[in-house]
Protein backbone atom coordinates (compact mmCIF):
# COMPACT_ATOMS: atom_id res chain seq x y z
CA MET A 1 29.27 -77.74 70.55
CA HIS A 2 29.19 -76.08 67.61
CA PHE A 3 25.43 -74.98 67.44
CA LEU A 4 25.40 -73.79 70.90
CA ASN A 5 28.76 -72.25 71.05
CA LEU A 6 27.05 -70.61 67.23
CA PHE A 7 23.61 -69.64 68.86
CA LEU A 8 25.73 -68.41 71.83
CA PHE A 9 28.02 -66.16 70.06
CA TYR A 10 25.23 -64.76 68.01
CA SER A 11 22.97 -64.16 70.86
CA ILE A 12 25.93 -62.48 72.75
CA PHE A 13 27.01 -60.29 69.33
CA GLY A 14 23.75 -59.41 68.35
CA ASN A 15 22.64 -57.76 72.10
CA ILE A 16 26.46 -55.81 71.78
CA PHE A 17 25.49 -54.73 68.34
CA GLU A 18 21.53 -53.50 69.25
CA ARG A 19 22.98 -51.97 72.12
CA VAL A 20 25.60 -49.71 70.62
CA LEU A 21 23.35 -49.13 67.62
CA MET A 22 20.50 -48.10 70.08
CA TYR A 23 22.71 -45.90 72.88
CA PHE A 24 22.68 -43.34 69.61
CA VAL A 25 18.68 -43.66 69.05
CA ASP A 26 16.75 -44.25 72.58
CA ARG A 27 19.39 -44.57 75.57
CA THR A 28 16.68 -46.25 77.91
CA TYR A 29 16.24 -48.33 75.80
CA VAL A 30 16.41 -52.27 76.70
CA SER A 31 17.48 -55.03 74.45
CA GLY A 32 14.71 -58.32 74.81
CA ILE A 33 13.16 -59.96 76.82
CA MET A 34 16.10 -61.81 78.69
CA GLY A 35 17.75 -58.19 79.83
CA THR A 36 21.33 -59.74 80.59
CA ILE A 37 23.94 -60.51 76.87
CA PHE A 38 22.14 -62.66 75.47
CA THR A 39 19.09 -61.43 73.03
CA PRO A 40 18.23 -65.20 71.24
CA VAL A 41 16.54 -63.87 68.12
CA TYR A 42 20.19 -63.06 66.98
CA GLY A 43 21.33 -66.66 67.56
CA PHE A 44 18.41 -68.30 65.65
CA ALA A 45 19.03 -66.06 62.76
CA ILE A 46 21.93 -67.35 62.85
CA ILE A 47 21.29 -71.00 62.65
CA ILE A 48 18.70 -70.26 60.30
CA ILE A 49 20.78 -68.49 57.79
CA LEU A 50 23.36 -70.89 57.49
CA PHE A 51 21.23 -73.52 57.35
CA ILE A 52 19.32 -72.07 54.42
CA ASP A 53 23.06 -71.18 53.11
CA GLU A 54 24.10 -74.40 53.18
CA LYS A 55 21.34 -75.85 51.13
CA LEU A 56 21.50 -72.92 48.64
CA LYS A 57 23.46 -74.51 45.53
CA ILE A 58 23.89 -71.30 43.49
CA LYS A 59 27.40 -70.84 42.52
CA ASN A 60 26.77 -67.16 40.74
CA LYS A 61 27.29 -64.67 43.31
CA PHE A 62 25.73 -61.91 41.20
CA LEU A 63 22.63 -64.24 41.60
CA LYS A 64 23.47 -65.84 44.98
CA ILE A 65 24.03 -62.85 47.05
CA PRO A 66 20.81 -60.53 46.01
CA LEU A 67 18.64 -63.98 46.06
CA GLN A 68 20.20 -64.39 49.85
CA PHE A 69 19.38 -60.49 50.41
CA LEU A 70 15.44 -60.85 49.55
CA LEU A 71 15.48 -64.65 51.31
CA TYR A 72 17.42 -63.63 54.50
CA GLY A 73 15.65 -60.48 54.58
CA LEU A 74 11.88 -62.29 54.39
CA VAL A 75 12.96 -65.11 56.74
CA LEU A 76 14.28 -63.18 59.61
CA THR A 77 11.13 -60.43 59.49
CA ILE A 78 8.67 -63.96 59.84
CA LEU A 79 11.50 -64.61 62.62
CA GLU A 80 10.68 -61.34 64.27
CA PHE A 81 7.16 -61.70 63.72
CA LEU A 82 7.07 -64.45 65.76
CA GLY A 83 9.37 -63.49 68.50
CA GLY A 84 7.53 -60.14 69.33
CA PHE A 85 3.58 -62.14 68.77
CA LEU A 86 4.85 -64.46 71.25
CA ILE A 87 7.26 -62.65 73.37
CA GLU A 88 3.52 -60.51 73.82
CA LYS A 89 1.16 -63.60 74.17
CA ILE A 90 3.05 -65.33 76.30
CA PHE A 91 4.34 -62.06 78.65
CA ASN A 92 2.10 -59.69 78.11
CA LYS A 93 4.62 -57.23 76.99
CA VAL A 94 5.92 -55.41 73.73
CA TYR A 95 9.72 -55.25 73.41
CA TRP A 96 9.26 -53.38 70.32
CA ASN A 97 6.82 -51.67 68.17
CA TYR A 98 7.84 -50.33 64.61
CA ASN A 99 4.34 -48.29 64.13
CA PHE A 100 6.50 -45.12 63.78
CA PHE A 101 8.33 -46.68 60.73
CA LYS A 102 6.43 -45.00 57.08
CA PHE A 103 6.66 -48.61 56.42
CA ASN A 104 5.26 -51.08 59.17
CA LEU A 105 2.81 -53.94 59.02
CA GLY A 106 1.90 -53.69 62.92
CA LYS A 107 4.44 -53.35 65.74
CA TYR A 108 6.23 -56.00 65.06
CA ILE A 109 7.53 -55.73 61.28
CA SER A 110 8.66 -53.20 59.06
CA LEU A 111 10.30 -52.67 55.65
CA GLU A 112 12.98 -50.19 57.20
CA SER A 113 13.39 -53.15 59.80
CA SER A 114 13.55 -56.15 56.83
CA LEU A 115 16.45 -54.32 55.05
CA LEU A 116 18.41 -53.80 58.21
CA TRP A 117 18.01 -57.34 58.44
CA ALA A 118 18.63 -58.54 55.17
CA THR A 119 21.60 -56.30 55.10
CA LEU A 120 22.83 -57.32 58.55
CA SER A 121 22.61 -61.40 56.77
CA ILE A 122 24.99 -60.35 54.00
CA ILE A 123 27.16 -58.57 56.37
CA ILE A 124 27.32 -61.64 58.49
CA LEU A 125 27.95 -64.17 56.10
CA TYR A 126 30.36 -62.58 54.25
CA LEU A 127 32.17 -60.79 56.49
CA ILE A 128 31.60 -61.39 60.44
CA HIS A 129 31.17 -65.72 60.62
CA PRO A 130 34.39 -66.10 58.51
CA ILE A 131 36.42 -64.53 61.36
CA TYR A 132 34.07 -66.23 63.71
CA LYS A 133 34.60 -70.14 62.00
CA LYS A 134 38.86 -69.37 62.02
CA LEU A 135 38.28 -68.74 66.16
CA GLU A 136 35.38 -70.71 67.54
CA LYS A 137 37.85 -73.58 68.04
CA TYR A 138 39.40 -71.75 70.14
CA ILE A 139 36.49 -71.35 72.07
CA PRO A 140 36.94 -73.97 75.46
CA LYS A 141 34.44 -75.98 76.83
CA PHE A 142 34.22 -74.72 80.09
CA VAL A 143 33.26 -71.06 78.78
CA THR A 144 30.51 -72.88 76.65
CA ILE A 145 29.02 -74.45 79.26
CA CYS A 146 29.13 -71.68 81.84
CA LEU A 147 27.68 -69.33 79.40
CA SER A 148 24.73 -72.04 78.70
CA ILE A 149 24.02 -72.30 82.53
CA PHE A 150 24.03 -68.67 82.66
CA PHE A 151 21.43 -68.79 79.75
CA ILE A 152 19.16 -71.59 81.03
CA VAL A 153 18.74 -69.89 84.51
CA ASN A 154 18.12 -66.52 83.14
CA LEU A 155 16.04 -68.87 81.16
CA ILE A 156 13.91 -69.81 84.32
CA TYR A 157 14.44 -66.90 85.70
CA ILE A 158 12.12 -64.89 83.55
CA PHE A 159 9.91 -67.52 82.97
CA VAL A 160 9.18 -68.24 86.69
CA VAL A 161 9.88 -65.04 88.13
CA LYS A 162 8.61 -62.41 85.40
């Protein structure tokens, strides 16, 4: 249940964060391919970050935090590229396009978005995730099961109907 809760929580948290951020940038923006409360890239991102973080054995925070910033920025940029590429190939849709950024590398990634990913990963690791860890034990299994069913139904809808 732990990884499922992580995935669901951060998929929802990331969706809310993105919607709030984009409210100030482009009010017509729709978050992700699912179009509901989930943006799975955020759930995958946190699981990847936590997995890598568990393997980092650096005790000195003055070295660890800059390394995390660079490493997670790179890893999450690759994840964003793969997500955009696969969505376009599978669904023939483009949900984000960074061509308007000065330092873009095609439509799916840019230096600006990579820096945002890196910054958010540090904020999540050191500020948000410690709070989540304290609250996770209070998430009822019923809620996890209901959200999982909703997520699966949403996936089926996307692959069968859309």
